[in-house]
Amino acid sequence: MKVDLFKKSFRVYFADTDAAQVVHHSRYITWLEAARIDYLEHIGCSYVSLQEKRIGLMPVSIVINYHKPLKFGDYFGIEISIESLKHTQVVIKGDVLRGNDLCCTSLVKLACVNEETWKPIKIPSYLKEAFAN
């Protein structure tokens, strides 16, 4: 399943870097999550609105591949797209690009859960339609 990309821009600050003066690997997870949260709002299903219904999207696996380092002062973007969509889970692809350079790729598998019981539930039809469109 490939849908239109959602793009979010960022900048690397000094606090994002490590002793080698490149972005610390853990920062990518934070930026990828921010892009996913903004993507949900973009498709009309903000995370806040999901939580009001006690619906959560809980990461069950994260695969990240680092290709080229980001450094202090770099401007970059994250492109978010839906890789696959099943009854209780969605896999979201996140590509980190500095210009035309692919710096990082990720796949995050999210389980749809009831936030009261923390058990998997079917992705609500309105959310599934928003992902598919």
Protein backbone atom coordinates (compact mmCIF):
# COMPACT_ATOMS: atom_id res chain seq x y z
CA MET A 1 0.00 0.00 0.00
CA LYS A 2 1.56 3.28 -1.08
CA VAL A 3 -0.20 6.60 -0.49
CA ASP A 4 0.82 10.21 -0.86
CA LEU A 5 3.71 11.29 1.32
CA PHE A 6 3.38 13.58 4.31
CA LYS A 7 6.46 15.78 4.80
CA LYS A 8 7.70 17.53 7.92
CA SER A 9 10.80 19.73 8.21
CA PHE A 10 13.34 19.86 11.04
CA ARG A 11 16.71 21.37 11.90
CA VAL A 12 19.59 19.78 13.81
CA TYR A 13 20.59 21.66 16.97
CA PHE A 14 23.77 21.26 18.97
CA ALA A 15 21.96 19.28 21.70
CA ASP A 16 20.99 16.69 19.05
CA THR A 17 24.62 15.73 18.39
CA ASP A 18 27.00 13.36 20.14
CA ALA A 19 30.73 13.33 20.85
CA ALA A 20 31.44 12.57 17.19
CA GLN A 21 29.58 15.80 16.27
CA VAL A 22 26.84 13.95 14.39
CA VAL A 23 23.22 13.42 15.37
CA HIS A 24 22.90 10.84 18.13
CA HIS A 25 21.05 7.75 16.88
CA SER A 26 18.31 8.12 19.53
CA ARG A 27 17.19 11.51 18.18
CA TYR A 28 15.83 9.90 15.02
CA ILE A 29 13.16 8.05 17.04
CA THR A 30 11.98 11.35 18.55
CA TRP A 31 11.81 13.08 15.17
CA LEU A 32 10.09 10.12 13.51
CA GLU A 33 7.47 10.07 16.26
CA ALA A 34 6.87 13.82 15.90
CA ALA A 35 6.37 13.36 12.15
CA ARG A 36 3.92 10.48 12.76
CA ILE A 37 1.93 12.53 15.29
CA ASP A 38 1.70 15.46 12.84
CA TYR A 39 0.75 13.02 10.06
CA LEU A 40 -2.21 11.81 12.15
CA GLU A 41 -3.37 15.40 12.57
CA HIS A 42 -2.87 15.99 8.83
CA ILE A 43 -5.23 13.10 7.97
CA GLY A 44 -7.85 14.38 10.43
CA CYS A 45 -7.25 11.89 13.26
CA SER A 46 -5.14 13.73 15.81
CA TYR A 47 -3.58 11.63 18.54
CA VAL A 48 -5.45 13.70 21.11
CA SER A 49 -8.77 12.79 19.48
CA LEU A 50 -7.79 9.11 19.48
CA GLN A 51 -6.85 9.25 23.15
CA GLU A 52 -10.18 10.88 23.99
CA LYS A 53 -11.72 7.66 22.63
CA ARG A 54 -9.15 5.57 24.60
CA ILE A 55 -7.54 4.43 21.34
CA GLY A 56 -3.78 4.12 21.25
CA LEU A 57 -1.25 3.35 18.54
CA MET A 58 1.49 1.52 20.41
CA PRO A 59 4.85 0.73 18.77
CA VAL A 60 5.55 -2.99 18.71
CA SER A 61 8.61 -2.87 16.48
CA ILE A 62 10.90 -0.20 15.10
CA VAL A 63 13.44 -0.89 12.37
CA ILE A 64 15.86 1.94 11.60
CA ASN A 65 18.66 1.96 9.05
CA TYR A 66 21.19 4.77 9.12
CA HIS A 67 22.69 5.67 5.73
CA LYS A 68 24.32 9.10 6.04
CA PRO A 69 24.89 11.20 9.16
CA LEU A 70 23.11 14.44 9.95
CA LYS A 71 25.24 17.15 11.57
CA PHE A 72 24.71 20.31 13.60
CA GLY A 73 22.96 22.97 11.52
CA ASP A 74 21.56 20.59 8.90
CA TYR A 75 18.02 21.13 7.69
CA PHE A 76 16.19 17.94 6.83
CA GLY A 77 12.76 16.52 6.23
CA ILE A 78 10.92 13.38 7.15
CA GLU A 79 8.57 11.78 4.66
CA ILE A 80 5.84 9.63 6.19
CA SER A 81 3.80 7.05 4.27
CA ILE A 82 1.75 3.96 5.05
CA GLU A 83 3.63 0.77 4.23
CA SER A 84 0.87 -1.68 5.22
CA LEU A 85 -2.48 -1.68 6.97
CA LYS A 86 -4.10 -4.68 8.66
CA HIS A 87 -7.01 -5.23 11.05
CA THR A 88 -5.18 -4.26 14.26
CA GLN A 89 -1.91 -2.77 13.05
CA VAL A 90 -0.38 -0.25 10.71
CA VAL A 91 3.21 -0.06 9.49
CA ILE A 92 4.44 3.47 8.87
CA LYS A 93 7.49 4.23 6.77
CA GLY A 94 9.62 7.23 7.64
CA ASP A 95 12.44 8.47 5.41
CA VAL A 96 14.83 11.13 6.67
CA LEU A 97 16.21 13.26 3.83
CA ARG A 98 18.71 16.10 3.74
CA GLY A 99 18.03 17.55 0.32
CA ASN A 100 18.26 14.55 -2.01
CA ASP A 101 20.41 12.53 0.41
CA LEU A 102 18.61 9.66 2.11
CA CYS A 103 20.04 9.71 5.64
CA CYS A 104 17.81 7.24 7.45
CA THR A 105 14.93 4.87 6.74
CA SER A 106 12.50 3.42 9.23
CA LEU A 107 9.53 1.11 9.54
CA VAL A 108 7.41 1.37 12.68
CA LYS A 109 4.74 -1.24 13.35
CA LEU A 110 1.97 0.20 15.52
CA ALA A 111 -0.71 -1.90 17.21
CA CYS A 112 -4.10 -0.33 17.75
CA VAL A 113 -4.97 -0.83 21.42
CA ASN A 114 -7.67 0.01 23.91
CA GLU A 115 -5.88 2.36 26.33
CA GLU A 116 -7.94 1.07 29.27
CA THR A 117 -7.09 -2.62 28.82
CA TRP A 118 -3.93 -2.28 26.64
CA LYS A 119 -5.27 -5.10 24.47
CA PRO A 120 -5.26 -5.01 20.67
CA ILE A 121 -8.43 -3.81 18.95
CA LYS A 122 -9.47 -3.41 15.33
CA ILE A 123 -8.42 -0.12 13.81
CA PRO A 124 -11.65 1.95 13.71
CA SER A 125 -13.08 2.26 10.20
CA TYR A 126 -12.71 6.07 10.13
CA LEU A 127 -9.00 5.75 10.98
CA LYS A 128 -8.47 2.97 8.45
CA GLU A 129 -10.12 5.13 5.77
CA ALA A 130 -7.95 8.10 6.73
CA PHE A 131 -4.82 5.93 6.41
CA ALA A 132 -5.98 4.56 3.06
CA ASN A 133 -6.82 7.98 1.61
